[in-house]
Amino acid sequence: MTRNLRRPALSEPIVRPLSWIVAATSIGVVILGARAVSGRRARPAAHEAPEEERPITPSPRPPAFRPAAPVRQIAAPAAGLAHVRGRAVVPPGPHKKGRFTVKADDTHEEFDAATGPGGSFELHLPAGDYTLTAAAGDDLIGTAKVRARPGTTEDVTITLEPVATITVKVDLGEEVDADVTAIATRVGTEFQAAEGDMDDDGLAITGLVPGVRYDLTVRAGERMVEVPGVTAPATIEVTLPKAVALRGAIGFAAGTRCPFRRVHLLDEDGDETSSADVDAHCHFELGEVAPGSEVHLRATARGWIVDERLTVPAQGDPPPVCLNPPCRELPPIAPTSLEVILTGAPPRSSISVEVTQTDDDDTGASGCASSGNQCEARDLQPDRPTTVTVTEQLCAAVRREVILHPGKNTLTVPCQRLRLVEGLAHGGRRPATISCPGGGETDLAETSVFDLHCPADGTELRYRAAGGPWRTAPLQAGADPTFVELAL
């Protein structure tokens, strides 16, 4: 049977099977959607509580793992030791033979070289720039500079020549108690090359290298002058600046007592260089202060610490200093001293004086001594209870209670002559004590022989055995020495 297939006309659309499926699916979705909408309109939806909003917490990100970078290896520097070898050459002519030495310095530290025969030497030291100084005794010297490089050997020849001297003529301007000294440092550094002290022949710095420049410092106590760039050998003249006095006061409340006794001058390290008394009006005076210097003053007392730093002018006395201002307008009190004269003392006597002063805060002791029959105790405080004890080997000890006034005080004490008492004690128990009123006292432990000094006009001796009562023994009048025998 033959089918006649009709070809569609060109005007008719061509429908493919897949298109029919897509079209049918779309129609079904539209129909279902319409039924759902109509169903929601037929049944009202049940009321549902809105869900509580919760904060969104980002989930923690796991740490990223990164392998550690390999440690960078720093190459160690090459060996820092340098080697220096050389020889010192002695100039022609007769010279004294002295100990041969070679030293190397970097202006901060100094190193000794190993020396050998014929003026040879060698050094093994950290690389750097050095000055080599060779010397033969105190008469020949020479220097050379060397740049010592790591791992290399430097050959150096040092020619020795007679040492040079810088002579310093010093104008002191006034008599000083301190020693006068001079120090030479290599110019522009703090490296000390040599020093000298003033003697009967003057002041000279020897052991210097001819043609080398040095910075000089001349000092006498706190007085100092600096002279830069002096080429050896040379003769120079210097004038030491006059020492100045630093005067001042410490403030304290009206109606109270000045609590301070001394004021102290300190150096850069806090160590005391000098001190002075503070009078009852809290005034003080410090002498021998270097002009143009930086000074550090400190005064302490019970419950008080006063500190002050200031600059002393280069010329002239500085103005008065006020520690703990305001300072009261009170006149300074004259320094208080006590001269003690022992009358009737034997020839070639030797006097000793102890002065003890007591106030509300503490008790201080001072005094004086002399190979004669008088001495003067200084730096005392006025208007305070004072105990004076005077002793001399052949005079009885004397104790006096006095009140000192500002300025100089004089105390005359007669010598009560002593005589020598020798004796023998036997029997009884030990130790035994033997004394004479106004004189000496002695204890006997393992011996029976004794001697002590007693007043020349004394008539008796006191003695006792251990734990026993005091007893007396008569002394022969006028006899010097005298002998006594005791039965303990």
Protein backbone atom coordinates (compact mmCIF):
# COMPACT_ATOMS: atom_id res chain seq x y z
CA MET A 1 0.00 0.00 0.00
CA THR A 2 1.37 3.21 -1.04
CA ARG A 3 1.30 6.24 1.33
CA ASN A 4 1.20 9.67 -0.10
CA LEU A 5 3.34 11.95 2.01
CA ARG A 6 2.45 15.58 1.80
CA ARG A 7 5.34 18.09 1.91
CA PRO A 8 4.33 21.07 3.93
CA ALA A 9 3.96 24.27 2.25
CA LEU A 10 6.61 26.82 2.57
CA SER A 11 4.23 29.04 4.55
CA GLU A 12 3.60 26.44 7.30
CA PRO A 13 5.83 26.35 10.39
CA ILE A 14 8.05 23.38 10.94
CA VAL A 15 7.63 21.88 14.45
CA ARG A 16 10.36 19.69 15.78
CA PRO A 17 9.70 17.00 18.46
CA LEU A 18 11.95 18.72 21.09
CA SER A 19 10.06 21.93 20.78
CA TRP A 20 6.85 20.09 21.56
CA ILE A 21 8.30 18.74 24.82
CA VAL A 22 9.52 22.16 25.98
CA ALA A 23 6.21 23.75 25.14
CA ALA A 24 4.24 21.11 26.99
CA THR A 25 6.38 21.46 30.10
CA SER A 26 5.92 25.24 30.17
CA ILE A 27 2.14 24.89 29.93
CA GLY A 28 2.13 22.42 32.85
CA VAL A 29 4.12 24.75 35.08
CA VAL A 30 1.72 27.63 34.37
CA ILE A 31 -1.30 25.47 35.23
CA LEU A 32 0.17 24.22 38.52
CA GLY A 33 1.12 27.75 39.50
CA ALA A 34 -2.37 28.99 38.89
CA ARG A 35 -3.88 26.20 41.07
CA ALA A 36 -1.47 26.96 43.88
CA VAL A 37 -2.46 30.62 43.85
CA SER A 38 -6.11 29.79 43.88
CA GLY A 39 -5.57 27.35 46.77
CA ARG A 40 -3.87 30.03 48.91
CA ARG A 41 -6.76 32.33 48.27
CA ALA A 42 -9.24 29.63 49.38
CA ARG A 43 -7.42 28.80 52.71
CA PRO A 44 -5.95 31.66 54.76
CA ALA A 45 -2.40 30.87 55.79
CA ALA A 46 -1.70 30.13 59.47
CA HIS A 47 0.14 32.91 61.37
CA GLU A 48 3.85 32.01 61.83
CA ALA A 49 6.12 33.86 64.23
CA PRO A 50 9.04 35.46 62.43
CA GLU A 51 12.35 33.78 63.09
CA GLU A 52 14.77 35.74 65.31
CA GLU A 53 17.64 37.10 63.36
CA ARG A 54 20.90 35.56 64.42
CA PRO A 55 24.18 37.34 63.91
CA ILE A 56 26.24 35.85 61.24
CA THR A 57 29.47 34.57 62.71
CA PRO A 58 32.13 34.07 60.15
CA SER A 59 33.62 30.68 60.34
CA PRO A 60 37.20 30.83 61.58
CA ARG A 61 39.73 30.54 58.90
CA PRO A 62 42.23 27.86 59.64
CA PRO A 63 45.73 29.29 59.92
CA ALA A 64 47.63 29.07 56.76
CA PHE A 65 50.65 26.86 57.08
CA ARG A 66 53.74 28.41 55.75
CA PRO A 67 57.01 26.61 56.18
CA ALA A 68 59.66 28.69 58.02
CA ALA A 69 62.21 30.26 55.78
CA PRO A 70 65.64 28.74 56.15
CA VAL A 71 67.94 30.67 58.54
CA ARG A 72 70.35 32.76 56.60
CA GLN A 73 73.89 31.77 57.39
CA ILE A 74 76.13 34.81 57.96
CA ALA A 75 79.64 34.12 57.02
CA ALA A 76 82.06 34.61 59.92
CA PRO A 77 84.56 37.42 59.34
CA ALA A 78 88.07 36.56 58.54
CA ALA A 79 90.49 36.17 61.42
CA GLY A 80 91.04 39.59 63.07
CA LEU A 81 94.58 39.04 64.33
CA ALA A 82 97.33 41.03 62.74
CA HIS A 83 101.05 40.43 63.08
CA VAL A 84 103.72 43.08 63.52
CA ARG A 85 107.42 42.34 63.46
CA GLY A 86 110.26 44.77 63.49
CA ARG A 87 113.55 46.04 64.84
CA ALA A 88 114.63 49.09 66.80
CA VAL A 89 117.80 50.75 65.51
CA VAL A 90 120.16 52.49 67.94
CA PRO A 91 121.88 55.58 66.49
CA PRO A 92 125.68 55.61 66.32
CA GLY A 93 127.66 56.92 69.26
CA PRO A 94 128.01 55.99 72.92
CA HIS A 95 124.73 55.37 74.71
CA LYS A 96 123.74 53.97 78.06
CA LYS A 97 122.44 50.46 77.88
CA GLY A 98 118.98 50.24 79.40
CA ARG A 99 116.08 47.84 79.38
CA PHE A 100 114.65 47.53 75.87
CA THR A 101 110.85 47.76 75.60
CA VAL A 102 108.32 48.12 72.79
CA LYS A 103 104.67 49.03 73.36
CA ALA A 104 101.74 49.46 70.99
CA ASP A 105 98.75 51.66 71.77
CA ASP A 106 95.52 52.66 70.07
CA THR A 107 95.22 55.81 72.31
CA HIS A 108 93.00 53.80 74.67
CA GLU A 109 94.89 50.62 75.52
CA GLU A 110 98.55 49.71 75.58
CA PHE A 111 100.09 46.34 74.68
CA ASP A 112 103.60 45.04 75.40
CA ALA A 113 105.55 43.47 72.58
CA ALA A 114 107.78 40.40 72.87
CA THR A 115 111.37 41.56 72.45
CA GLY A 116 114.44 39.65 71.33
CA PRO A 117 118.17 40.17 70.69
CA GLY A 118 119.40 42.95 68.49
CA GLY A 119 116.36 45.15 69.12
CA SER A 120 113.91 42.75 67.47
CA PHE A 121 110.29 42.58 68.55
CA GLU A 122 106.97 41.08 67.50
CA LEU A 123 103.28 41.57 68.28
CA HIS A 124 100.15 39.59 67.50
CA LEU A 125 97.11 41.73 68.23
CA PRO A 126 93.66 42.72 66.90
CA ALA A 127 93.72 44.52 63.59
CA GLY A 128 93.73 48.31 63.80
CA ASP A 129 95.82 51.47 63.78
CA TYR A 130 98.58 51.60 66.39
CA THR A 131 101.45 53.76 67.53
CA LEU A 132 104.57 51.78 68.39
CA THR A 133 106.91 53.24 71.02
CA ALA A 134 110.32 51.69 71.52
CA ALA A 135 112.64 52.70 74.37
CA ALA A 136 116.07 51.70 75.61
CA GLY A 137 116.20 52.66 79.26
CA ASP A 138 115.43 56.31 80.05
CA ASP A 139 117.69 57.81 77.40
CA LEU A 140 116.58 56.56 73.96
CA ILE A 141 113.11 56.53 72.45
CA GLY A 142 111.42 56.26 69.06
CA THR A 143 107.94 55.83 67.58
CA ALA A 144 106.29 54.57 64.42
CA LYS A 145 102.72 54.29 63.24
CA VAL A 146 101.39 51.08 61.74
CA ARG A 147 98.11 49.94 60.21
CA ALA A 148 97.83 46.31 61.21
CA ARG A 149 95.54 44.43 58.80
CA PRO A 150 93.96 41.07 59.62
CA GLY A 151 95.92 38.04 58.55
CA THR A 152 98.94 40.02 57.40
CA THR A 153 102.41 40.69 58.79
CA GLU A 154 103.69 44.25 58.94
CA ASP A 155 107.46 44.89 59.06
CA VAL A 156 108.43 48.02 61.01
CA THR A 157 111.77 49.67 61.71
CA ILE A 158 111.96 52.17 64.59
CA THR A 159 114.95 54.50 64.87
CA LEU A 160 115.78 55.45 68.43
CA GLU A 161 117.07 58.87 69.42
CA PRO A 162 117.80 60.73 72.68
CA VAL A 163 114.67 61.55 74.67
CA ALA A 164 113.31 65.08 74.70
CA THR A 165 112.23 67.17 77.70
CA ILE A 166 109.61 69.87 78.16
CA THR A 167 110.59 72.25 80.95
CA VAL A 168 107.73 74.10 82.65
CA LYS A 169 108.30 77.34 84.53
CA VAL A 170 105.34 77.72 86.86
CA ASP A 171 104.17 81.00 88.37
CA LEU A 172 102.14 79.90 91.38
CA GLY A 173 101.15 83.42 92.34
CA GLU A 174 100.77 82.32 95.97
CA GLU A 175 102.05 79.61 98.26
CA VAL A 176 100.27 76.28 97.91
CA ASP A 177 100.30 73.17 100.06
CA ALA A 178 99.56 70.78 97.18
CA ASP A 179 102.16 69.15 94.93
CA VAL A 180 102.71 70.75 91.53
CA THR A 181 102.58 68.19 88.71
CA ALA A 182 102.51 68.20 84.90
CA ILE A 183 101.12 65.56 82.54
CA ALA A 184 101.85 65.26 78.80
CA THR A 185 99.27 63.50 76.62
CA ARG A 186 99.63 62.78 72.93
CA VAL A 187 98.04 65.72 71.15
CA GLY A 188 94.31 65.36 70.55
CA THR A 189 94.02 62.21 72.70
CA GLU A 190 93.82 61.21 76.34
CA PHE A 191 96.81 58.88 76.05
CA GLN A 192 99.32 59.85 78.77
CA ALA A 193 102.88 59.79 77.48
CA ALA A 194 104.81 61.08 80.52
CA GLU A 195 104.50 63.16 83.67
CA GLY A 196 106.72 65.15 86.00
CA ASP A 197 106.69 66.54 89.55
CA MET A 198 108.15 69.80 90.77
CA ASP A 199 111.30 69.45 92.87
CA ASP A 200 114.18 71.68 93.86
CA ASP A 201 115.33 71.82 90.22
CA GLY A 202 111.92 72.88 88.93
CA LEU A 203 109.28 71.07 86.89
CA ALA A 204 110.22 68.99 83.85
CA ILE A 205 108.57 66.26 81.78
CA THR A 206 111.14 63.92 80.29
CA GLY A 207 110.98 60.72 78.25
CA LEU A 208 109.26 62.43 75.29
CA VAL A 209 109.80 61.82 71.58
CA PRO A 210 111.57 64.67 69.79
CA GLY A 211 109.37 66.44 67.24
CA VAL A 212 106.11 65.03 68.64
CA ARG A 213 103.39 67.40 69.87
CA TYR A 214 101.83 66.98 73.30
CA ASP A 215 98.97 68.54 75.28
CA LEU A 216 100.12 69.59 78.76
CA THR A 217 98.14 69.82 81.99
CA VAL A 218 99.80 71.58 84.94
CA ARG A 219 98.04 71.17 88.29
CA ALA A 220 98.47 72.22 91.92
CA GLY A 221 95.62 70.88 93.99
CA GLU A 222 92.42 72.25 92.46
CA ARG A 223 94.30 74.86 90.43
CA MET A 224 94.95 73.79 86.85
CA VAL A 225 96.05 75.16 83.50
CA GLU A 226 96.10 73.41 80.10
CA VAL A 227 98.60 74.13 77.31
CA PRO A 228 97.75 72.42 73.98
CA GLY A 229 100.10 71.42 71.18
CA VAL A 230 103.62 71.78 72.62
CA THR A 231 106.34 70.23 70.47
CA ALA A 232 109.12 68.49 72.40
CA PRO A 233 111.71 69.63 73.36
CA ALA A 234 110.51 72.98 74.67
CA THR A 235 110.53 75.40 77.60
CA ILE A 236 107.21 77.03 78.46
CA GLU A 237 105.92 79.39 81.12
CA VAL A 238 102.51 78.95 82.77
CA THR A 239 100.66 80.87 85.43
CA LEU A 240 98.30 78.86 87.61
CA PRO A 241 94.97 80.61 88.15
CA LYS A 242 94.32 81.82 91.65
CA ALA A 243 92.16 79.44 93.65
CA VAL A 244 88.80 80.91 94.61
CA ALA A 245 86.69 80.56 97.72
CA LEU A 246 83.11 79.38 97.40
CA ARG A 247 80.95 81.02 100.06
CA GLY A 248 77.31 80.41 100.71
CA ALA A 249 74.50 79.58 103.09
CA ILE A 250 71.74 77.01 103.54
CA GLY A 251 68.16 78.06 104.07
CA PHE A 252 66.41 76.99 107.28
CA ALA A 253 63.21 78.08 109.00
CA ALA A 254 63.21 81.06 111.34
CA GLY A 255 62.97 80.14 114.99
CA THR A 256 64.74 76.81 114.41
CA ARG A 257 68.34 75.73 114.65
CA CYS A 258 70.56 75.21 111.61
CA PRO A 259 70.55 71.39 111.29
CA PHE A 260 73.72 71.14 109.16
CA ARG A 261 77.27 70.69 110.39
CA ARG A 262 79.32 70.33 107.18
CA VAL A 263 78.99 70.89 103.43
CA HIS A 264 80.84 68.62 101.00
CA LEU A 265 82.34 69.15 97.55
CA LEU A 266 81.97 66.06 95.35
CA ASP A 267 83.60 65.00 92.09
CA GLU A 268 81.96 63.45 89.01
CA ASP A 269 81.88 60.02 90.68
CA GLY A 270 80.23 61.36 93.84
CA ASP A 271 83.42 61.07 95.92
CA GLU A 272 84.26 63.83 98.37
CA THR A 273 87.16 66.10 97.41
CA SER A 274 86.85 68.64 100.24
CA SER A 275 84.45 69.84 102.91
CA ALA A 276 83.86 72.78 105.21
CA ASP A 277 82.07 73.50 108.47
CA VAL A 278 78.63 75.07 108.52
CA ASP A 279 78.26 77.65 111.30
CA ALA A 280 75.26 78.17 113.57
CA HIS A 281 73.72 80.54 111.00
CA CYS A 282 74.12 77.91 108.25
CA HIS A 283 76.97 79.78 106.50
CA PHE A 284 79.96 78.01 104.96
CA GLU A 285 83.12 78.73 102.99
CA LEU A 286 84.97 76.28 100.73
CA GLY A 287 88.49 77.29 99.71
CA GLU A 288 90.73 75.98 96.93
CA VAL A 289 87.96 75.71 94.32
CA ALA A 290 89.24 75.61 90.73
CA PRO A 291 88.13 78.55 88.55
CA GLY A 292 85.91 77.59 85.64
CA SER A 293 85.10 74.19 87.11
CA GLU A 294 81.79 72.38 87.53
CA VAL A 295 81.15 71.75 91.23
CA HIS A 296 78.72 69.53 93.08
CA LEU A 297 77.73 70.65 96.59
CA ARG A 298 75.93 68.47 99.11
CA ALA A 299 74.92 69.02 102.74
CA THR A 300 73.22 66.37 104.85
CA ALA A 301 71.70 66.29 108.30
CA ARG A 302 69.16 64.19 110.11
CA GLY A 303 66.18 64.21 107.74
CA TRP A 304 67.87 66.63 105.30
CA ILE A 305 69.65 66.19 101.96
CA VAL A 306 70.51 69.37 100.04
CA ASP A 307 72.14 69.05 96.61
CA GLU A 308 73.31 71.70 94.16
CA ARG A 309 75.40 71.77 90.96
CA LEU A 310 76.89 75.02 89.67
CA THR A 311 79.67 76.46 87.51
CA VAL A 312 82.48 78.48 89.05
CA PRO A 313 83.43 81.52 86.92
CA ALA A 314 86.81 81.41 85.19
CA GLN A 315 87.94 84.63 86.88
CA GLY A 316 87.11 86.19 90.22
CA ASP A 317 85.31 84.81 93.24
CA PRO A 318 81.87 83.38 92.52
CA PRO A 319 78.82 85.07 94.05
CA PRO A 320 77.47 83.60 97.30
CA VAL A 321 75.59 80.34 96.88
CA CYS A 322 72.20 79.69 98.45
CA LEU A 323 71.30 76.04 99.04
CA ASN A 324 67.64 75.40 99.82
CA PRO A 325 66.46 78.98 99.12
CA PRO A 326 65.47 81.35 100.50
CA CYS A 327 68.53 81.91 102.67
CA ARG A 328 68.11 84.17 105.65
CA GLU A 329 70.02 87.43 105.89
CA LEU A 330 72.12 86.45 108.88
CA PRO A 331 75.76 87.48 109.35
CA PRO A 332 78.29 84.64 109.17
CA ILE A 333 79.77 83.52 112.46
CA ALA A 334 83.55 83.63 112.85
CA PRO A 335 85.23 80.18 112.84
CA THR A 336 85.56 78.77 116.34
CA SER A 337 88.87 77.40 117.60
CA LEU A 338 90.39 76.50 120.96
CA GLU A 339 94.04 77.05 121.88
CA VAL A 340 95.19 74.94 124.85
CA ILE A 341 98.33 75.93 126.77
CA LEU A 342 99.84 73.53 129.31
CA THR A 343 101.84 75.59 131.82
CA GLY A 344 104.62 74.14 133.94
CA ALA A 345 105.17 71.26 131.50
CA PRO A 346 108.60 69.60 131.54
CA PRO A 347 111.09 70.22 128.71
CA ARG A 348 110.48 68.24 125.51
CA SER A 349 106.86 67.72 126.49
CA SER A 350 104.24 66.40 124.07
CA ILE A 351 100.68 67.62 124.53
CA SER A 352 97.51 65.93 123.31
CA VAL A 353 94.06 67.54 123.44
CA GLU A 354 90.69 65.88 122.79
CA VAL A 355 87.63 68.12 122.33
CA THR A 356 84.16 66.59 122.53
CA GLN A 357 81.06 68.63 121.68
CA THR A 358 77.49 67.52 122.30
CA ASP A 359 74.28 68.89 120.84
CA ASP A 360 70.73 67.67 120.38
CA ASP A 361 71.60 65.42 117.45
CA ASP A 362 74.95 63.80 118.07
CA THR A 363 78.34 63.99 119.72
CA GLY A 364 81.44 64.87 117.74
CA ALA A 365 85.09 64.66 118.72
CA SER A 366 88.09 66.55 117.39
CA GLY A 367 91.31 67.85 118.87
CA CYS A 368 94.96 68.57 118.30
CA ALA A 369 98.42 67.42 119.29
CA SER A 370 101.83 69.01 119.42
CA SER A 371 105.41 68.22 120.39
CA GLY A 372 105.37 71.40 122.49
CA ASN A 373 103.23 72.58 125.39
CA GLN A 374 100.37 74.07 123.32
CA CYS A 375 98.17 73.30 120.31
CA GLU A 376 95.03 74.67 118.65
CA ALA A 377 91.88 72.70 117.83
CA ARG A 378 89.92 74.16 114.91
CA ASP A 379 86.58 73.70 113.17
CA LEU A 380 84.59 73.74 116.42
CA GLN A 381 81.02 74.82 117.06
CA PRO A 382 80.27 77.72 119.40
CA ASP A 383 77.70 77.85 122.21
CA ARG A 384 77.60 74.10 122.75
CA PRO A 385 78.63 71.97 125.75
CA THR A 386 82.30 71.12 125.23
CA THR A 387 84.58 68.72 127.15
CA VAL A 388 88.33 69.27 126.88
CA THR A 389 90.75 66.53 127.97
CA VAL A 390 94.46 67.42 128.15
CA THR A 391 97.13 64.75 128.52
CA GLU A 392 100.93 64.77 128.66
CA GLN A 393 103.16 61.85 129.57
CA LEU A 394 104.63 63.53 132.68
CA CYS A 395 101.52 65.51 133.67
CA ALA A 396 98.26 64.31 135.18
CA ALA A 397 95.31 64.18 132.78
CA VAL A 398 93.03 67.21 133.10
CA ARG A 399 89.37 67.38 132.04
CA ARG A 400 87.49 70.68 131.77
CA GLU A 401 83.92 71.59 130.80
CA VAL A 402 83.73 74.81 128.77
CA ILE A 403 81.40 76.79 126.49
CA LEU A 404 83.14 78.22 123.43
CA HIS A 405 82.28 81.53 121.81
CA PRO A 406 82.70 82.30 118.10
CA GLY A 407 86.27 83.05 117.15
CA LYS A 408 89.42 82.01 118.96
CA ASN A 409 89.21 80.66 122.51
CA THR A 410 92.14 80.05 124.88
CA LEU A 411 92.31 77.53 127.74
CA THR A 412 95.28 77.48 130.13
CA VAL A 413 95.84 74.27 132.11
CA PRO A 414 98.59 73.85 134.74
CA CYS A 415 100.69 70.72 134.54
CA GLN A 416 100.31 68.52 137.59
CA ARG A 417 103.63 66.74 137.52
CA LEU A 418 103.71 62.96 137.76
CA ARG A 419 106.32 60.68 139.28
CA LEU A 420 107.13 57.08 138.55
CA VAL A 421 105.87 54.49 141.05
CA GLU A 422 107.38 51.01 140.77
CA GLY A 423 106.25 48.09 142.86
CA LEU A 424 105.85 44.41 143.58
CA ALA A 425 102.55 42.71 144.39
CA HIS A 426 102.56 39.22 145.86
CA GLY A 427 99.94 36.83 147.20
CA GLY A 428 96.20 37.08 146.58
CA ARG A 429 94.14 36.27 143.54
CA ARG A 430 94.53 37.52 139.99
CA PRO A 431 93.78 39.74 138.25
CA ALA A 432 94.59 42.62 140.56
CA THR A 433 94.05 46.34 139.90
CA ILE A 434 96.45 49.06 141.06
CA SER A 435 95.81 52.79 140.59
CA CYS A 436 96.70 56.18 141.95
CA PRO A 437 94.18 59.07 142.23
CA GLY A 438 94.70 61.55 139.40
CA GLY A 439 97.23 59.26 137.71
CA GLY A 440 97.56 55.96 135.95
CA GLU A 441 96.05 52.52 136.51
CA THR A 442 97.27 49.03 135.67
CA ASP A 443 95.99 45.45 135.89
CA LEU A 444 98.13 42.51 136.98
CA ALA A 445 97.31 39.09 135.56
CA GLU A 446 100.39 36.92 135.14
CA THR A 447 103.05 39.17 136.65
CA SER A 448 103.72 40.70 140.04
CA VAL A 449 105.85 43.66 138.89
CA PHE A 450 104.20 46.94 137.95
CA ASP A 451 104.95 50.61 137.27
CA LEU A 452 102.69 53.61 136.71
CA HIS A 453 102.71 57.38 136.90
CA CYS A 454 101.10 59.14 139.85
CA PRO A 455 100.80 62.83 140.80
CA ALA A 456 104.06 64.08 142.33
CA ASP A 457 102.23 65.24 145.46
CA GLY A 458 100.18 62.05 145.78
CA THR A 459 100.44 60.29 149.14
CA GLU A 460 98.79 56.93 148.55
CA LEU A 461 98.16 54.09 146.14
CA ARG A 462 94.89 52.17 145.75
CA TYR A 463 94.79 48.45 144.96
CA ARG A 464 92.61 45.36 145.24
CA ALA A 465 92.65 41.69 144.30
CA ALA A 466 89.96 40.18 142.10
CA GLY A 467 86.57 40.57 143.80
CA GLY A 468 88.14 42.04 146.94
CA PRO A 469 87.73 45.44 148.58
CA TRP A 470 89.84 48.47 147.73
CA ARG A 471 92.83 49.07 150.00
CA THR A 472 95.45 51.81 150.19
CA ALA A 473 99.22 51.85 150.56
CA PRO A 474 101.26 54.96 151.49
CA LEU A 475 103.74 56.50 149.05
CA GLN A 476 107.02 58.04 150.07
CA ALA A 477 106.80 61.82 149.68
CA GLY A 478 109.09 63.54 147.15
CA ALA A 479 110.85 60.40 145.91
CA ASP A 480 110.91 60.02 142.10
CA PRO A 481 110.89 57.21 141.27
CA THR A 482 109.56 55.53 144.39
CA PHE A 483 109.10 51.85 145.24
CA VAL A 484 106.18 50.18 147.00
CA GLU A 485 105.47 46.56 147.95
CA LEU A 486 101.87 45.34 148.11
CA ALA A 487 100.34 42.23 149.72
CA LEU A 488 97.18 41.29 147.81
